[in-house]
Amino acid sequence: MKILSRRQLGQLNALDLLVMILLGSAVETAMVHGSTLLRAGFVSASTLLVANRLLSHVTSRSKRMRRFFSPGPVLLVHDGRFIEEHLNRMGLTHEDVLQAVRAREHADLAEIRFAILESDGEINVVPMSRS
């Protein structure tokens, strides 16, 4: 993966993770089973890596493909109130968001203007401005 992509482990998207899992399976199958040639494992691994690189290239150039593979940020809290529809769509609970709020050293949801689920899975919190 490092040869064909410069991404760090924390920057992997869902597609990269899927390729890594498939890569491990393809190589393991080729190494363990006597009926499968080692060359077949290298060919399947190379195919997966090249396909991943091509998809990364396409998604970096096409806004439509980028949105398909990596949806943008999702607003979870607005002015201290949960947006239930967005929480349900993202499969998050109130506790998940409150944990992120507490991690940013805010005691109460009423202190929060926005809580945003970023495309990398992190929840960022924007507090109410103090006047």
N, C-alpha and C. Protein backbone atom coordinates (compact mmCIF):
# COMPACT_ATOMS: atom_id res chain seq x y z
N MET A 1 0.83 -1.19 0.00
CA MET A 1 0.00 0.00 0.00
C MET A 1 0.87 1.25 0.00
N LYS A 2 1.97 1.22 0.73
CA LYS A 2 2.82 2.41 0.83
C LYS A 2 3.46 2.75 -0.51
N ILE A 3 3.74 1.73 -1.34
CA ILE A 3 4.38 1.97 -2.63
C ILE A 3 3.46 2.74 -3.56
N LEU A 4 2.18 2.38 -3.58
CA LEU A 4 1.24 2.99 -4.51
C LEU A 4 0.44 4.14 -3.92
N SER A 5 0.60 4.43 -2.66
CA SER A 5 -0.17 5.51 -2.05
C SER A 5 0.64 6.14 -0.94
N ARG A 6 0.52 7.44 -0.77
CA ARG A 6 1.27 8.15 0.27
C ARG A 6 0.46 8.40 1.52
N ARG A 7 -0.69 7.81 1.61
CA ARG A 7 -1.56 8.07 2.76
C ARG A 7 -1.01 7.42 4.02
N GLN A 8 -1.20 8.10 5.11
CA GLN A 8 -0.87 7.55 6.42
C GLN A 8 -2.02 6.69 6.89
N LEU A 9 -1.80 5.86 7.87
CA LEU A 9 -2.83 4.96 8.36
C LEU A 9 -4.07 5.72 8.81
N GLY A 10 -3.91 6.87 9.44
CA GLY A 10 -5.05 7.66 9.91
C GLY A 10 -5.83 8.32 8.79
N GLN A 11 -5.27 8.34 7.58
CA GLN A 11 -5.94 8.98 6.46
C GLN A 11 -6.64 7.98 5.54
N LEU A 12 -6.67 6.72 5.91
CA LEU A 12 -7.31 5.71 5.08
C LEU A 12 -8.81 5.94 5.03
N ASN A 13 -9.37 5.83 3.84
CA ASN A 13 -10.82 5.90 3.71
C ASN A 13 -11.37 4.48 3.66
N ALA A 14 -12.67 4.35 3.52
CA ALA A 14 -13.29 3.03 3.53
C ALA A 14 -12.79 2.17 2.38
N LEU A 15 -12.58 2.76 1.23
CA LEU A 15 -12.10 2.01 0.07
C LEU A 15 -10.69 1.47 0.31
N ASP A 16 -9.82 2.28 0.89
CA ASP A 16 -8.46 1.83 1.20
C ASP A 16 -8.48 0.68 2.20
N LEU A 17 -9.32 0.79 3.20
CA LEU A 17 -9.42 -0.27 4.20
C LEU A 17 -9.92 -1.57 3.57
N LEU A 18 -10.90 -1.46 2.70
CA LEU A 18 -11.41 -2.64 2.01
C LEU A 18 -10.33 -3.30 1.17
N VAL A 19 -9.54 -2.50 0.47
CA VAL A 19 -8.46 -3.04 -0.35
C VAL A 19 -7.43 -3.73 0.53
N MET A 20 -7.12 -3.16 1.68
CA MET A 20 -6.15 -3.79 2.59
C MET A 20 -6.64 -5.15 3.08
N ILE A 21 -7.92 -5.23 3.41
CA ILE A 21 -8.48 -6.51 3.87
C ILE A 21 -8.46 -7.53 2.74
N LEU A 22 -8.89 -7.12 1.55
CA LEU A 22 -8.87 -8.02 0.40
C LEU A 22 -7.45 -8.44 0.03
N LEU A 23 -6.52 -7.52 0.16
CA LEU A 23 -5.13 -7.80 -0.14
C LEU A 23 -4.58 -8.88 0.79
N GLY A 24 -4.88 -8.74 2.07
CA GLY A 24 -4.44 -9.75 3.03
C GLY A 24 -5.04 -11.11 2.74
N SER A 25 -6.29 -11.13 2.38
CA SER A 25 -6.96 -12.38 2.05
C SER A 25 -6.38 -13.02 0.80
N ALA A 26 -6.14 -12.22 -0.23
CA ALA A 26 -5.60 -12.75 -1.49
C ALA A 26 -4.21 -13.33 -1.30
N VAL A 27 -3.36 -12.64 -0.59
CA VAL A 27 -2.00 -13.11 -0.38
C VAL A 27 -1.99 -14.32 0.55
N GLU A 28 -2.81 -14.30 1.57
CA GLU A 28 -2.87 -15.43 2.51
C GLU A 28 -3.34 -16.69 1.80
N THR A 29 -4.34 -16.58 0.97
CA THR A 29 -4.85 -17.74 0.23
C THR A 29 -3.77 -18.31 -0.67
N ALA A 30 -3.03 -17.45 -1.35
CA ALA A 30 -1.96 -17.90 -2.23
C ALA A 30 -0.83 -18.57 -1.47
N MET A 31 -0.55 -18.12 -0.28
CA MET A 31 0.56 -18.67 0.50
C MET A 31 0.20 -19.97 1.21
N VAL A 32 -1.04 -20.11 1.62
CA VAL A 32 -1.43 -21.26 2.43
C VAL A 32 -1.83 -22.47 1.60
N HIS A 33 -2.62 -22.26 0.57
CA HIS A 33 -3.15 -23.37 -0.21
C HIS A 33 -2.14 -23.83 -1.25
N GLY A 34 -1.85 -25.11 -1.22
CA GLY A 34 -0.88 -25.67 -2.16
C GLY A 34 -1.36 -25.65 -3.59
N SER A 35 -2.67 -25.69 -3.80
CA SER A 35 -3.19 -25.71 -5.17
C SER A 35 -3.15 -24.34 -5.83
N THR A 36 -2.95 -23.30 -5.06
CA THR A 36 -2.90 -21.94 -5.61
C THR A 36 -1.44 -21.53 -5.73
N LEU A 37 -1.05 -21.08 -6.88
CA LEU A 37 0.32 -20.65 -7.10
C LEU A 37 0.59 -19.33 -6.41
N LEU A 38 1.81 -19.17 -5.98
CA LEU A 38 2.20 -17.91 -5.35
C LEU A 38 2.08 -16.76 -6.35
N ARG A 39 2.33 -17.05 -7.64
CA ARG A 39 2.18 -16.01 -8.66
C ARG A 39 0.76 -15.49 -8.71
N ALA A 40 -0.22 -16.36 -8.54
CA ALA A 40 -1.62 -15.93 -8.56
C ALA A 40 -1.89 -14.94 -7.44
N GLY A 41 -1.28 -15.15 -6.28
CA GLY A 41 -1.42 -14.21 -5.17
C GLY A 41 -0.82 -12.86 -5.49
N PHE A 42 0.35 -12.87 -6.12
CA PHE A 42 0.99 -11.61 -6.51
C PHE A 42 0.17 -10.89 -7.58
N VAL A 43 -0.38 -11.63 -8.51
CA VAL A 43 -1.19 -11.02 -9.56
C VAL A 43 -2.45 -10.40 -8.95
N SER A 44 -3.12 -11.13 -8.05
CA SER A 44 -4.33 -10.58 -7.44
C SER A 44 -4.00 -9.38 -6.55
N ALA A 45 -2.89 -9.46 -5.82
CA ALA A 45 -2.48 -8.33 -4.98
C ALA A 45 -2.15 -7.11 -5.84
N SER A 46 -1.42 -7.33 -6.92
CA SER A 46 -1.07 -6.22 -7.81
C SER A 46 -2.31 -5.61 -8.43
N THR A 47 -3.25 -6.45 -8.83
CA THR A 47 -4.49 -5.96 -9.42
C THR A 47 -5.26 -5.09 -8.43
N LEU A 48 -5.34 -5.55 -7.19
CA LEU A 48 -6.03 -4.76 -6.16
C LEU A 48 -5.35 -3.42 -5.93
N LEU A 49 -4.02 -3.42 -5.86
CA LEU A 49 -3.29 -2.18 -5.61
C LEU A 49 -3.42 -1.20 -6.77
N VAL A 50 -3.34 -1.71 -7.99
CA VAL A 50 -3.49 -0.83 -9.16
C VAL A 50 -4.92 -0.28 -9.23
N ALA A 51 -5.92 -1.15 -8.97
CA ALA A 51 -7.31 -0.70 -8.99
C ALA A 51 -7.54 0.37 -7.92
N ASN A 52 -6.96 0.18 -6.74
CA ASN A 52 -7.09 1.18 -5.67
C ASN A 52 -6.45 2.50 -6.10
N ARG A 53 -5.29 2.42 -6.73
CA ARG A 53 -4.60 3.64 -7.17
C ARG A 53 -5.43 4.37 -8.23
N LEU A 54 -6.00 3.61 -9.17
CA LEU A 54 -6.83 4.22 -10.21
C LEU A 54 -8.07 4.89 -9.61
N LEU A 55 -8.73 4.20 -8.67
CA LEU A 55 -9.90 4.80 -8.03
C LEU A 55 -9.53 6.04 -7.24
N SER A 56 -8.38 6.02 -6.57
CA SER A 56 -7.92 7.21 -5.84
C SER A 56 -7.67 8.36 -6.80
N HIS A 57 -7.09 8.05 -7.95
CA HIS A 57 -6.84 9.08 -8.96
C HIS A 57 -8.15 9.67 -9.48
N VAL A 58 -9.11 8.79 -9.78
CA VAL A 58 -10.40 9.25 -10.30
C VAL A 58 -11.13 10.09 -9.26
N THR A 59 -11.13 9.66 -8.00
CA THR A 59 -11.83 10.42 -6.97
C THR A 59 -11.16 11.75 -6.68
N SER A 60 -9.85 11.83 -6.88
CA SER A 60 -9.19 13.12 -6.65
C SER A 60 -9.49 14.12 -7.76
N ARG A 61 -9.87 13.63 -8.93
CA ARG A 61 -10.14 14.51 -10.08
C ARG A 61 -11.63 14.79 -10.28
N SER A 62 -12.50 13.94 -9.77
CA SER A 62 -13.93 14.07 -10.03
C SER A 62 -14.69 14.36 -8.74
N LYS A 63 -15.35 15.51 -8.71
CA LYS A 63 -16.13 15.90 -7.54
C LYS A 63 -17.27 14.91 -7.27
N ARG A 64 -17.92 14.46 -8.33
CA ARG A 64 -19.03 13.51 -8.20
C ARG A 64 -18.57 12.18 -7.59
N MET A 65 -17.44 11.67 -8.06
CA MET A 65 -16.91 10.40 -7.52
C MET A 65 -16.44 10.59 -6.08
N ARG A 66 -15.87 11.75 -5.78
CA ARG A 66 -15.41 12.03 -4.42
C ARG A 66 -16.59 12.04 -3.45
N ARG A 67 -17.70 12.66 -3.87
CA ARG A 67 -18.90 12.67 -3.02
C ARG A 67 -19.49 11.27 -2.87
N PHE A 68 -19.39 10.44 -3.92
CA PHE A 68 -19.92 9.09 -3.87
C PHE A 68 -19.14 8.24 -2.87
N PHE A 69 -17.81 8.31 -2.91
CA PHE A 69 -16.98 7.48 -2.05
C PHE A 69 -16.73 8.09 -0.67
N SER A 70 -16.81 9.40 -0.56
CA SER A 70 -16.52 10.06 0.71
C SER A 70 -17.49 11.22 0.92
N PRO A 71 -18.63 10.93 1.54
CA PRO A 71 -19.60 12.01 1.74
C PRO A 71 -19.01 13.10 2.64
N GLY A 72 -19.52 14.30 2.48
CA GLY A 72 -19.02 15.44 3.23
C GLY A 72 -19.45 15.43 4.68
N PRO A 73 -19.18 16.51 5.37
CA PRO A 73 -19.53 16.62 6.78
C PRO A 73 -21.04 16.63 6.98
N VAL A 74 -21.46 16.16 8.18
CA VAL A 74 -22.88 16.09 8.52
C VAL A 74 -23.09 16.82 9.84
N LEU A 75 -24.03 17.74 9.85
CA LEU A 75 -24.35 18.51 11.05
C LEU A 75 -25.17 17.64 12.00
N LEU A 76 -24.69 17.47 13.23
CA LEU A 76 -25.36 16.62 14.22
C LEU A 76 -26.08 17.43 15.29
N VAL A 77 -25.52 18.60 15.62
CA VAL A 77 -26.11 19.48 16.64
C VAL A 77 -26.13 20.89 16.08
N HIS A 78 -27.25 21.57 16.26
CA HIS A 78 -27.35 22.96 15.85
C HIS A 78 -27.97 23.75 17.00
N ASP A 79 -27.24 24.75 17.48
CA ASP A 79 -27.68 25.59 18.60
C ASP A 79 -28.14 24.78 19.80
N GLY A 80 -27.34 23.80 20.19
CA GLY A 80 -27.61 23.02 21.39
C GLY A 80 -28.69 21.95 21.26
N ARG A 81 -29.17 21.69 20.04
CA ARG A 81 -30.22 20.69 19.84
C ARG A 81 -29.75 19.64 18.84
N PHE A 82 -30.03 18.39 19.17
CA PHE A 82 -29.69 17.30 18.26
C PHE A 82 -30.52 17.38 16.98
N ILE A 83 -29.94 17.00 15.89
CA ILE A 83 -30.67 16.84 14.63
C ILE A 83 -30.88 15.34 14.46
N GLU A 84 -32.04 14.89 14.91
CA GLU A 84 -32.32 13.45 15.01
C GLU A 84 -32.19 12.73 13.67
N GLU A 85 -32.68 13.36 12.61
CA GLU A 85 -32.63 12.73 11.29
C GLU A 85 -31.19 12.41 10.88
N HIS A 86 -30.28 13.34 11.15
CA HIS A 86 -28.88 13.14 10.79
C HIS A 86 -28.23 12.10 11.69
N LEU A 87 -28.56 12.12 12.97
CA LEU A 87 -28.03 11.11 13.89
C LEU A 87 -28.46 9.72 13.45
N ASN A 88 -29.73 9.56 13.13
CA ASN A 88 -30.24 8.25 12.70
C ASN A 88 -29.58 7.80 11.41
N ARG A 89 -29.43 8.72 10.47
CA ARG A 89 -28.82 8.38 9.17
C ARG A 89 -27.36 7.94 9.33
N MET A 90 -26.66 8.54 10.27
CA MET A 90 -25.25 8.21 10.50
C MET A 90 -25.06 7.06 11.50
N GLY A 91 -26.16 6.63 12.11
CA GLY A 91 -26.07 5.52 13.07
C GLY A 91 -25.42 5.91 14.38
N LEU A 92 -25.60 7.14 14.79
CA LEU A 92 -25.01 7.64 16.03
C LEU A 92 -26.09 7.84 17.09
N THR A 93 -25.67 7.76 18.34
CA THR A 93 -26.58 8.00 19.45
C THR A 93 -26.26 9.35 20.08
N HIS A 94 -27.14 9.79 20.95
CA HIS A 94 -26.89 11.03 21.70
C HIS A 94 -25.60 10.88 22.50
N GLU A 95 -25.40 9.70 23.07
CA GLU A 95 -24.20 9.48 23.90
C GLU A 95 -22.92 9.62 23.09
N ASP A 96 -22.92 9.19 21.83
CA ASP A 96 -21.74 9.34 20.98
C ASP A 96 -21.37 10.81 20.84
N VAL A 97 -22.36 11.64 20.60
CA VAL A 97 -22.12 13.07 20.42
C VAL A 97 -21.73 13.72 21.75
N LEU A 98 -22.43 13.35 22.81
CA LEU A 98 -22.11 13.92 24.13
C LEU A 98 -20.70 13.54 24.56
N GLN A 99 -20.24 12.37 24.20
CA GLN A 99 -18.87 11.98 24.51
C GLN A 99 -17.87 12.90 23.80
N ALA A 100 -18.14 13.23 22.55
CA ALA A 100 -17.28 14.16 21.81
C ALA A 100 -17.32 15.55 22.43
N VAL A 101 -18.50 15.97 22.89
CA VAL A 101 -18.65 17.26 23.53
C VAL A 101 -17.82 17.31 24.82
N ARG A 102 -17.92 16.26 25.62
CA ARG A 102 -17.14 16.21 26.86
C ARG A 102 -15.64 16.14 26.58
N ALA A 103 -15.25 15.47 25.51
CA ALA A 103 -13.82 15.38 25.15
C ALA A 103 -13.25 16.75 24.79
N ARG A 104 -14.12 17.66 24.36
CA ARG A 104 -13.70 19.03 24.05
C ARG A 104 -13.93 19.96 25.23
N GLU A 105 -14.12 19.38 26.40
CA GLU A 105 -14.23 20.10 27.67
C GLU A 105 -15.42 21.03 27.75
N HIS A 106 -16.56 20.56 27.25
CA HIS A 106 -17.82 21.28 27.41
C HIS A 106 -18.74 20.38 28.22
N ALA A 107 -19.39 20.95 29.19
CA ALA A 107 -20.19 20.15 30.12
C ALA A 107 -21.62 19.92 29.62
N ASP A 108 -22.12 20.83 28.81
CA ASP A 108 -23.53 20.79 28.47
C ASP A 108 -23.73 21.02 26.98
N LEU A 109 -24.72 20.36 26.41
CA LEU A 109 -25.04 20.52 25.00
C LEU A 109 -25.50 21.95 24.70
N ALA A 110 -26.04 22.64 25.70
CA ALA A 110 -26.49 24.02 25.51
C ALA A 110 -25.33 24.96 25.19
N GLU A 111 -24.10 24.56 25.47
CA GLU A 111 -22.92 25.37 25.18
C GLU A 111 -22.46 25.22 23.73
N ILE A 112 -23.10 24.32 22.98
CA ILE A 112 -22.61 23.95 21.65
C ILE A 112 -23.46 24.59 20.55
N ARG A 113 -22.80 25.31 19.66
CA ARG A 113 -23.49 25.86 18.49
C ARG A 113 -23.63 24.78 17.42
N PHE A 114 -22.51 24.10 17.10
CA PHE A 114 -22.53 23.04 16.09
C PHE A 114 -21.70 21.86 16.57
N ALA A 115 -22.15 20.67 16.24
CA ALA A 115 -21.33 19.46 16.32
C ALA A 115 -21.43 18.82 14.94
N ILE A 116 -20.27 18.59 14.35
CA ILE A 116 -20.21 18.16 12.96
C ILE A 116 -19.44 16.86 12.85
N LEU A 117 -20.06 15.87 12.20
CA LEU A 117 -19.38 14.62 11.89
C LEU A 117 -18.61 14.83 10.60
N GLU A 118 -17.29 14.80 10.68
CA GLU A 118 -16.45 15.02 9.51
C GLU A 118 -16.35 13.74 8.69
N SER A 119 -15.86 13.86 7.48
CA SER A 119 -15.79 12.70 6.59
C SER A 119 -14.78 11.66 7.08
N ASP A 120 -13.86 12.05 7.97
CA ASP A 120 -12.91 11.08 8.52
C ASP A 120 -13.45 10.38 9.77
N GLY A 121 -14.70 10.68 10.16
CA GLY A 121 -15.33 10.03 11.31
C GLY A 121 -15.20 10.78 12.61
N GLU A 122 -14.44 11.84 12.63
CA GLU A 122 -14.26 12.64 13.84
C GLU A 122 -15.43 13.59 14.01
N ILE A 123 -15.82 13.82 15.26
CA ILE A 123 -16.88 14.79 15.57
C ILE A 123 -16.21 16.06 16.09
N ASN A 124 -16.36 17.13 15.33
CA ASN A 124 -15.83 18.43 15.75
C ASN A 124 -16.94 19.25 16.39
N VAL A 125 -16.57 20.03 17.39
CA VAL A 125 -17.54 20.79 18.17
C VAL A 125 -17.18 22.28 18.08
N VAL A 126 -18.19 23.09 17.78
CA VAL A 126 -18.03 24.55 17.75
C VAL A 126 -18.90 25.12 18.87
N PRO A 127 -18.28 25.73 19.89
CA PRO A 127 -19.07 26.24 21.01
C PRO A 127 -19.80 27.53 20.64
N MET A 128 -20.80 27.87 21.45
CA MET A 128 -21.49 29.15 21.32
C MET A 128 -20.46 30.25 21.59
N SER A 129 -20.56 31.34 20.86
CA SER A 129 -19.61 32.44 21.10
C SER A 129 -20.01 33.15 22.39
N ARG A 130 -19.02 33.55 23.12
CA ARG A 130 -19.29 34.24 24.39
C ARG A 130 -19.34 35.75 24.12
N SER A 131 -20.44 36.36 24.53
CA SER A 131 -20.59 37.81 24.30
C SER A 131 -20.46 38.56 25.60
